[in-house]
């Protein structure tokens, strides 16, 4: 897994501008990326009590900044702070903050191994579509309840057919009153929905191992940069962390790199077709 911190030139300019205004005083904020992106494209500045030697933000300030990112469909990828005119490094306090705060962001950036890339029918009333972050979109047929009860008869796909398409397209699902069409990895699965049945969907995570990369960036008024990456690994619910030095790569907005499969539902094209 590449641990380099990639950040767009625009986001870096924003940080540099805030640091220049703060001058001797430290300042701090959040790093964010687009869902599914491996590049920091956005920042938030945290309201903090700042001196030339420290900056401290309240949990409420962090929450408000995270909410502002969420309103722009941005996911948190880490933190940044300045050292004024001093050298860039992580102090003992910084390291403690990294281990306290960054693991809480891991859920937004987990990457999972894809056990399968093609859609599949798992049962007479279920089908799955692999998402680009390694999770699965699970589709289930649900019949109308028997009148006067909460029970319903088991539903079954009326017909299942498989076709092929060019590879490279994002996973997609298209649902109408009569059919469900799933496409991924060049495979198309078309399922006919029986009358008086509906299709429910939910995201499931069957991965036994998932990993996320979160970052802490330190800058100063001389535009020196230092970063470390916290690699968070979850194996069957047991979480470990490893902090490593990493390069800082400033990239143009149009060269932000490949998608890193960290999207949630945004990585799935979902269409409700007319009946």
Foldseek 3Di string as FASTA:
>chain_A
DAQAAEEAPVQLVVVLVVQQVCAQKKWKWFFWDAFLFRYGYHIDTFDWDIDSADTDHDPVSNVVRQVVCVVVRIATFAMEMENRADDDDADPVNVVCCVVPRVVRFLLFKAFDAPDWWKAAPDQFWIWHQALRNKIKIKGKAADADPPDPHDDHFGFPDKDKDFDDADDFWEWEDEQFWIWTDTRGMIIITTGDPRMDMDIDIGHPGQKIKGWHKYWYAYNVGDIWMKIWIWMHGNRDIDIDIGTHHYHHHHPVPSDGRPSSHDCVSYHYHYDYD
